[in-house]
Protein backbone atom coordinates (compact mmCIF):
# COMPACT_ATOMS: atom_id res chain seq x y z
CA UNK A 1 0.00 0.00 0.00
CA UNK A 2 1.38 3.38 -0.92
CA UNK A 3 2.00 6.10 1.57
CA UNK A 4 -0.80 8.15 0.00
CA UNK A 5 -3.26 5.26 0.43
CA UNK A 6 -2.35 4.82 4.10
CA UNK A 7 -2.79 8.55 4.66
CA UNK A 8 -6.17 8.51 2.89
CA UNK A 9 -7.40 5.55 4.99
CA UNK A 10 -6.21 7.21 8.20
CA UNK A 11 -7.93 10.46 7.24
CA UNK A 12 -11.18 8.64 6.40
CA UNK A 13 -11.07 6.80 9.73
CA UNK A 14 -10.41 10.06 11.60
CA UNK A 15 -13.33 11.82 9.88
CA UNK A 16 -15.67 8.88 10.53
CA UNK A 17 -14.82 8.95 14.24
CA UNK A 18 -15.50 12.70 14.34
CA UNK A 19 -18.89 12.14 12.68
CA UNK A 20 -19.81 9.37 15.11
CA UNK A 21 -19.78 6.61 12.48
CA UNK A 22 -17.33 4.43 14.35
CA UNK A 23 -19.15 4.45 17.70
CA UNK A 24 -22.75 3.51 18.45
CA UNK A 25 -24.94 6.48 19.28
CA UNK A 26 -26.24 6.75 22.81
CA UNK A 27 -29.60 8.22 23.63
CA UNK A 28 -29.50 11.44 25.53
CA UNK A 29 -32.18 9.96 27.81
CA UNK A 30 -32.08 6.27 28.84
CA UNK A 31 -34.83 4.04 27.46
CA UNK A 32 -36.20 1.09 29.47
CA UNK A 33 -38.70 -1.60 28.47
CA UNK A 34 -41.09 -2.03 31.39
CA UNK A 35 -44.19 -3.96 32.27
CA UNK A 36 -47.05 -1.52 32.84
CA UNK A 37 -50.25 -1.87 34.81
CA UNK A 38 -52.72 0.78 35.94
CA UNK A 39 -54.13 1.78 39.32
CA UNK A 40 -56.93 3.94 40.67
CA UNK A 41 -56.94 5.32 44.20
CA UNK A 42 -59.63 6.93 46.33
CA UNK A 43 -57.73 10.19 46.86
CA UNK A 44 -55.29 8.52 49.25
CA UNK A 45 -51.94 10.32 49.20
CA UNK A 46 -49.10 8.98 47.06
CA UNK A 47 -45.72 8.01 48.52
CA UNK A 48 -44.63 11.61 47.88
CA UNK A 49 -47.64 12.88 49.84
CA UNK A 50 -49.50 14.24 46.81
CA UNK A 51 -53.04 13.57 45.58
CA UNK A 52 -53.27 10.98 42.77
CA UNK A 53 -54.24 12.45 39.37
CA UNK A 54 -53.59 12.02 35.66
CA UNK A 55 -49.93 12.28 34.78
CA UNK A 56 -48.46 10.36 37.71
CA UNK A 57 -47.05 6.88 37.97
CA UNK A 58 -45.79 4.50 40.62
CA UNK A 59 -42.39 2.91 40.16
CA UNK A 60 -39.72 1.04 42.07
CA UNK A 61 -37.58 3.84 43.57
CA UNK A 62 -34.46 1.75 42.92
CA UNK A 63 -35.23 1.99 39.18
CA UNK A 64 -37.03 5.35 38.96
CA UNK A 65 -36.70 7.51 42.09
CA UNK A 66 -39.58 9.72 43.21
CA UNK A 67 -39.60 12.93 41.20
CA UNK A 68 -38.37 11.31 37.98
CA UNK A 69 -39.87 12.66 34.76
CA UNK A 70 -40.57 10.04 32.11
CA UNK A 71 -42.12 9.70 28.69
CA UNK A 72 -44.13 6.51 28.19
CA UNK A 73 -44.86 5.14 24.72
CA UNK A 74 -46.57 1.98 23.50
CA UNK A 75 -49.35 2.53 26.06
CA UNK A 76 -52.10 3.52 23.64
CA UNK A 77 -54.20 6.42 24.89
CA UNK A 78 -52.06 6.50 28.05
CA UNK A 79 -48.81 7.27 26.21
CA UNK A 80 -47.39 10.59 27.37
CA UNK A 81 -45.35 12.39 30.00
CA UNK A 82 -45.49 11.38 33.66
CA UNK A 83 -43.91 12.14 37.03
CA UNK A 84 -43.07 9.37 39.49
CA UNK A 85 -44.85 10.28 42.73
CA UNK A 86 -45.77 6.86 44.06
CA UNK A 87 -44.33 3.46 44.88
CA UNK A 88 -45.99 0.20 45.78
CA UNK A 89 -45.22 -3.21 47.22
CA UNK A 90 -46.17 -4.82 43.89
CA UNK A 91 -44.22 -2.28 41.80
CA UNK A 92 -40.80 -3.93 41.77
CA UNK A 93 -37.99 -3.79 39.20
CA UNK A 94 -38.92 -2.82 35.65
CA UNK A 95 -42.60 -2.36 36.44
CA UNK A 96 -44.53 0.89 36.26
CA UNK A 97 -48.09 1.55 37.43
CA UNK A 98 -50.01 4.37 35.72
CA UNK A 99 -52.74 6.30 37.51
CA UNK A 100 -56.17 6.10 35.85
CA UNK A 101 -59.52 7.55 36.91
CA UNK A 102 -61.36 4.31 37.78
CA UNK A 103 -60.86 0.68 38.68
CA UNK A 104 -62.78 -0.32 35.53
CA UNK A 105 -60.34 1.69 33.41
CA UNK A 106 -57.39 0.07 35.21
CA UNK A 107 -58.82 -3.37 34.49
CA UNK A 108 -59.28 -2.49 30.78
CA UNK A 109 -55.66 -1.28 30.64
CA UNK A 110 -54.51 -4.67 31.86
CA UNK A 111 -50.82 -5.48 31.64
CA UNK A 112 -48.60 -4.49 28.72
CA UNK A 113 -45.00 -3.83 27.80
CA UNK A 114 -44.24 -0.13 27.37
CA UNK A 115 -41.19 1.94 26.55
CA UNK A 116 -40.12 4.37 29.27
CA UNK A 117 -37.74 7.18 28.37
CA UNK A 118 -36.16 8.73 31.46
CA UNK A 119 -36.13 12.49 30.89
CA UNK A 120 -34.93 13.45 34.36
CA UNK A 121 -33.98 11.31 37.35
CA UNK A 122 -35.75 12.40 40.53
CA UNK A 123 -34.15 13.01 43.89
CA UNK A 124 -36.93 11.91 46.27
CA UNK A 125 -40.16 13.00 47.96
CA UNK A 126 -39.44 16.73 48.01
CA UNK A 127 -38.50 16.68 44.34
CA UNK A 128 -41.70 14.79 43.46
CA UNK A 129 -43.82 17.28 45.42
CA UNK A 130 -42.15 20.24 43.72
CA UNK A 131 -42.68 18.80 40.24
CA UNK A 132 -46.21 17.49 40.79
CA UNK A 133 -48.80 19.75 39.19
CA UNK A 134 -52.30 18.31 39.63
CA UNK A 135 -54.44 17.99 36.53
CA UNK A 136 -56.82 20.87 35.94
CA UNK A 137 -60.39 19.80 36.64
CA UNK A 138 -63.42 21.50 35.14
C-alpha atoms as a PDB file:
ATOM      1  CA  UNK A   1       0.000   0.000   0.000  1.00  0.00           C
ATOM      2  CA  UNK A   2       1.384   3.376  -0.921  1.00  0.00           C
ATOM      3  CA  UNK A   3       2.003   6.101   1.568  1.00  0.00           C
ATOM      4  CA  UNK A   4      -0.802   8.151  -0.001  1.00  0.00           C
ATOM      5  CA  UNK A   5      -3.257   5.257   0.430  1.00  0.00           C
ATOM      6  CA  UNK A   6      -2.346   4.818   4.104  1.00  0.00           C
ATOM      7  CA  UNK A   7      -2.785   8.551   4.663  1.00  0.00           C
ATOM      8  CA  UNK A   8      -6.167   8.509   2.894  1.00  0.00           C
ATOM      9  CA  UNK A   9      -7.401   5.549   4.986  1.00  0.00           C
ATOM     10  CA  UNK A  10      -6.206   7.206   8.196  1.00  0.00           C
ATOM     11  CA  UNK A  11      -7.928  10.461   7.235  1.00  0.00           C
ATOM     12  CA  UNK A  12     -11.183   8.637   6.396  1.00  0.00           C
ATOM     13  CA  UNK A  13     -11.069   6.798   9.730  1.00  0.00           C
ATOM     14  CA  UNK A  14     -10.411  10.061  11.601  1.00  0.00           C
ATOM     15  CA  UNK A  15     -13.330  11.824   9.876  1.00  0.00           C
ATOM     16  CA  UNK A  16     -15.673   8.875  10.526  1.00  0.00           C
ATOM     17  CA  UNK A  17     -14.817   8.952  14.236  1.00  0.00           C
ATOM     18  CA  UNK A  18     -15.501  12.703  14.344  1.00  0.00           C
ATOM     19  CA  UNK A  19     -18.886  12.145  12.683  1.00  0.00           C
ATOM     20  CA  UNK A  20     -19.811   9.375  15.113  1.00  0.00           C
ATOM     21  CA  UNK A  21     -19.785   6.610  12.482  1.00  0.00           C
ATOM     22  CA  UNK A  22     -17.335   4.429  14.354  1.00  0.00           C
ATOM     23  CA  UNK A  23     -19.152   4.450  17.705  1.00  0.00           C
ATOM     24  CA  UNK A  24     -22.753   3.507  18.448  1.00  0.00           C
ATOM     25  CA  UNK A  25     -24.942   6.484  19.278  1.00  0.00           C
ATOM     26  CA  UNK A  26     -26.244   6.750  22.814  1.00  0.00           C
ATOM     27  CA  UNK A  27     -29.597   8.216  23.625  1.00  0.00           C
ATOM     28  CA  UNK A  28     -29.505  11.443  25.535  1.00  0.00           C
ATOM     29  CA  UNK A  29     -32.178   9.964  27.806  1.00  0.00           C
ATOM     30  CA  UNK A  30     -32.078   6.273  28.840  1.00  0.00           C
ATOM     31  CA  UNK A  31     -34.833   4.044  27.463  1.00  0.00           C
ATOM     32  CA  UNK A  32     -36.202   1.095  29.465  1.00  0.00           C
ATOM     33  CA  UNK A  33     -38.703  -1.598  28.467  1.00  0.00           C
ATOM     34  CA  UNK A  34     -41.088  -2.025  31.389  1.00  0.00           C
ATOM     35  CA  UNK A  35     -44.194  -3.956  32.266  1.00  0.00           C
ATOM     36  CA  UNK A  36     -47.051  -1.524  32.840  1.00  0.00           C
ATOM     37  CA  UNK A  37     -50.251  -1.871  34.814  1.00  0.00           C
ATOM     38  CA  UNK A  38     -52.719   0.779  35.942  1.00  0.00           C
ATOM     39  CA  UNK A  39     -54.128   1.783  39.320  1.00  0.00           C
ATOM     40  CA  UNK A  40     -56.932   3.935  40.667  1.00  0.00           C
ATOM     41  CA  UNK A  41     -56.944   5.322  44.203  1.00  0.00           C
ATOM     42  CA  UNK A  42     -59.633   6.934  46.328  1.00  0.00           C
ATOM     43  CA  UNK A  43     -57.729  10.190  46.859  1.00  0.00           C
ATOM     44  CA  UNK A  44     -55.290   8.519  49.253  1.00  0.00           C
ATOM     45  CA  UNK A  45     -51.936  10.316  49.203  1.00  0.00           C
ATOM     46  CA  UNK A  46     -49.098   8.977  47.065  1.00  0.00           C
ATOM     47  CA  UNK A  47     -45.717   8.012  48.519  1.00  0.00           C
ATOM     48  CA  UNK A  48     -44.634  11.612  47.876  1.00  0.00           C
ATOM     49  CA  UNK A  49     -47.641  12.883  49.840  1.00  0.00           C
ATOM     50  CA  UNK A  50     -49.503  14.244  46.812  1.00  0.00           C
ATOM     51  CA  UNK A  51     -53.044  13.568  45.582  1.00  0.00           C
ATOM     52  CA  UNK A  52     -53.273  10.980  42.766  1.00  0.00           C
ATOM     53  CA  UNK A  53     -54.236  12.452  39.369  1.00  0.00           C
ATOM     54  CA  UNK A  54     -53.590  12.019  35.663  1.00  0.00           C
ATOM     55  CA  UNK A  55     -49.927  12.279  34.781  1.00  0.00           C
ATOM     56  CA  UNK A  56     -48.463  10.363  37.710  1.00  0.00           C
ATOM     57  CA  UNK A  57     -47.045   6.876  37.966  1.00  0.00           C
ATOM     58  CA  UNK A  58     -45.793   4.504  40.616  1.00  0.00           C
ATOM     59  CA  UNK A  59     -42.387   2.906  40.158  1.00  0.00           C
ATOM     60  CA  UNK A  60     -39.724   1.036  42.074  1.00  0.00           C
ATOM     61  CA  UNK A  61     -37.582   3.840  43.574  1.00  0.00           C
ATOM     62  CA  UNK A  62     -34.458   1.752  42.924  1.00  0.00           C
ATOM     63  CA  UNK A  63     -35.232   1.985  39.178  1.00  0.00           C
ATOM     64  CA  UNK A  64     -37.026   5.349  38.960  1.00  0.00           C
ATOM     65  CA  UNK A  65     -36.698   7.511  42.094  1.00  0.00           C
ATOM     66  CA  UNK A  66     -39.579   9.716  43.210  1.00  0.00           C
ATOM     67  CA  UNK A  67     -39.604  12.927  41.202  1.00  0.00           C
ATOM     68  CA  UNK A  68     -38.366  11.306  37.977  1.00  0.00           C
ATOM     69  CA  UNK A  69     -39.865  12.663  34.757  1.00  0.00           C
ATOM     70  CA  UNK A  70     -40.569  10.037  32.115  1.00  0.00           C
ATOM     71  CA  UNK A  71     -42.123   9.704  28.690  1.00  0.00           C
ATOM     72  CA  UNK A  72     -44.127   6.513  28.194  1.00  0.00           C
ATOM     73  CA  UNK A  73     -44.855   5.142  24.723  1.00  0.00           C
ATOM     74  CA  UNK A  74     -46.570   1.982  23.497  1.00  0.00           C
ATOM     75  CA  UNK A  75     -49.347   2.535  26.063  1.00  0.00           C
ATOM     76  CA  UNK A  76     -52.104   3.520  23.637  1.00  0.00           C
ATOM     77  CA  UNK A  77     -54.198   6.422  24.888  1.00  0.00           C
ATOM     78  CA  UNK A  78     -52.057   6.495  28.045  1.00  0.00           C
ATOM     79  CA  UNK A  79     -48.814   7.274  26.211  1.00  0.00           C
ATOM     80  CA  UNK A  80     -47.393  10.589  27.368  1.00  0.00           C
ATOM     81  CA  UNK A  81     -45.353  12.388  29.997  1.00  0.00           C
ATOM     82  CA  UNK A  82     -45.495  11.379  33.660  1.00  0.00           C
ATOM     83  CA  UNK A  83     -43.906  12.145  37.028  1.00  0.00           C
ATOM     84  CA  UNK A  84     -43.073   9.368  39.487  1.00  0.00           C
ATOM     85  CA  UNK A  85     -44.850  10.283  42.725  1.00  0.00           C
ATOM     86  CA  UNK A  86     -45.775   6.862  44.062  1.00  0.00           C
ATOM     87  CA  UNK A  87     -44.332   3.460  44.880  1.00  0.00           C
ATOM     88  CA  UNK A  88     -45.987   0.199  45.781  1.00  0.00           C
ATOM     89  CA  UNK A  89     -45.225  -3.206  47.225  1.00  0.00           C
ATOM     90  CA  UNK A  90     -46.166  -4.819  43.888  1.00  0.00           C
ATOM     91  CA  UNK A  91     -44.220  -2.281  41.796  1.00  0.00           C
ATOM     92  CA  UNK A  92     -40.799  -3.929  41.771  1.00  0.00           C
ATOM     93  CA  UNK A  93     -37.995  -3.787  39.199  1.00  0.00           C
ATOM     94  CA  UNK A  94     -38.917  -2.815  35.646  1.00  0.00           C
ATOM     95  CA  UNK A  95     -42.597  -2.359  36.440  1.00  0.00           C
ATOM     96  CA  UNK A  96     -44.526   0.888  36.261  1.00  0.00           C
ATOM     97  CA  UNK A  97     -48.085   1.546  37.434  1.00  0.00           C
ATOM     98  CA  UNK A  98     -50.014   4.374  35.719  1.00  0.00           C
ATOM     99  CA  UNK A  99     -52.744   6.303  37.510  1.00  0.00           C
ATOM    100  CA  UNK A 100     -56.169   6.102  35.845  1.00  0.00           C
ATOM    101  CA  UNK A 101     -59.521   7.547  36.908  1.00  0.00           C
ATOM    102  CA  UNK A 102     -61.364   4.315  37.781  1.00  0.00           C
ATOM    103  CA  UNK A 103     -60.859   0.677  38.683  1.00  0.00           C
ATOM    104  CA  UNK A 104     -62.777  -0.320  35.533  1.00  0.00           C
ATOM    105  CA  UNK A 105     -60.338   1.689  33.414  1.00  0.00           C
ATOM    106  CA  UNK A 106     -57.393   0.073  35.214  1.00  0.00           C
ATOM    107  CA  UNK A 107     -58.822  -3.371  34.488  1.00  0.00           C
ATOM    108  CA  UNK A 108     -59.278  -2.488  30.781  1.00  0.00           C
ATOM    109  CA  UNK A 109     -55.665  -1.278  30.637  1.00  0.00           C
ATOM    110  CA  UNK A 110     -54.510  -4.675  31.862  1.00  0.00           C
ATOM    111  CA  UNK A 111     -50.823  -5.479  31.639  1.00  0.00           C
ATOM    112  CA  UNK A 112     -48.598  -4.495  28.722  1.00  0.00           C
ATOM    113  CA  UNK A 113     -45.005  -3.829  27.802  1.00  0.00           C
ATOM    114  CA  UNK A 114     -44.236  -0.126  27.373  1.00  0.00           C
ATOM    115  CA  UNK A 115     -41.190   1.943  26.548  1.00  0.00           C
ATOM    116  CA  UNK A 116     -40.116   4.372  29.274  1.00  0.00           C
ATOM    117  CA  UNK A 117     -37.736   7.177  28.371  1.00  0.00           C
ATOM    118  CA  UNK A 118     -36.162   8.732  31.458  1.00  0.00           C
ATOM    119  CA  UNK A 119     -36.125  12.485  30.887  1.00  0.00           C
ATOM    120  CA  UNK A 120     -34.928  13.453  34.361  1.00  0.00           C
ATOM    121  CA  UNK A 121     -33.976  11.314  37.351  1.00  0.00           C
ATOM    122  CA  UNK A 122     -35.751  12.399  40.528  1.00  0.00           C
ATOM    123  CA  UNK A 123     -34.154  13.015  43.891  1.00  0.00           C
ATOM    124  CA  UNK A 124     -36.927  11.909  46.266  1.00  0.00           C
ATOM    125  CA  UNK A 125     -40.162  13.004  47.959  1.00  0.00           C
ATOM    126  CA  UNK A 126     -39.440  16.732  48.015  1.00  0.00           C
ATOM    127  CA  UNK A 127     -38.497  16.677  44.337  1.00  0.00           C
ATOM    128  CA  UNK A 128     -41.698  14.792  43.462  1.00  0.00           C
ATOM    129  CA  UNK A 129     -43.821  17.280  45.422  1.00  0.00           C
ATOM    130  CA  UNK A 130     -42.148  20.239  43.724  1.00  0.00           C
ATOM    131  CA  UNK A 131     -42.675  18.797  40.236  1.00  0.00           C
ATOM    132  CA  UNK A 132     -46.210  17.494  40.794  1.00  0.00           C
ATOM    133  CA  UNK A 133     -48.803  19.752  39.187  1.00  0.00           C
ATOM    134  CA  UNK A 134     -52.303  18.313  39.633  1.00  0.00           C
ATOM    135  CA  UNK A 135     -54.440  17.993  36.527  1.00  0.00           C
ATOM    136  CA  UNK A 136     -56.821  20.868  35.945  1.00  0.00           C
ATOM    137  CA  UNK A 137     -60.385  19.804  36.639  1.00  0.00           C
ATOM    138  CA  UNK A 138     -63.417  21.499  35.144  1.00  0.00           C
END
